[in-house]
Amino acid sequence: MDEVRRFVGIDVAKAALDVFIGSAGAAFSVANDEVGIRELLRQLEPADFVILEATGGLETPVASALAAAGIAVAIVNPRKVARSSCARAWPRTYSDCAAICGN
């Protein structure tokens, strides 16, 4: 793996993946399906480090696709993300993503 250039947080839901790219401050959503995951992969780079919340298996397809594409991925406990002080300071939609990116 190359040196990590960006941290990317993804809040996983049944219908959508809410994405926050830490260093760029960019936020967007894609569908949590094959088409949406392909779109996500087009926007990421091999040197990205992606952090996902564990969501009872809903994170598995995107985590598998990221790993297959050679992008580093970690699955974290959502309770720890929600309790972080950063999460309480952001609007709910992207708060978890921003918090796990360290913003």
Foldseek 3Di string as FASTA:
>chain_A
DDAADWEKEWEFDQFKTWIAIAVVRDIDIFTLDPVRLVVVVVVDDLNYEYEYEDDPCSCVVSCVVCVVVNHHYYYDHQVVLCPDPQLVVDPPVCSSGNSVRPD
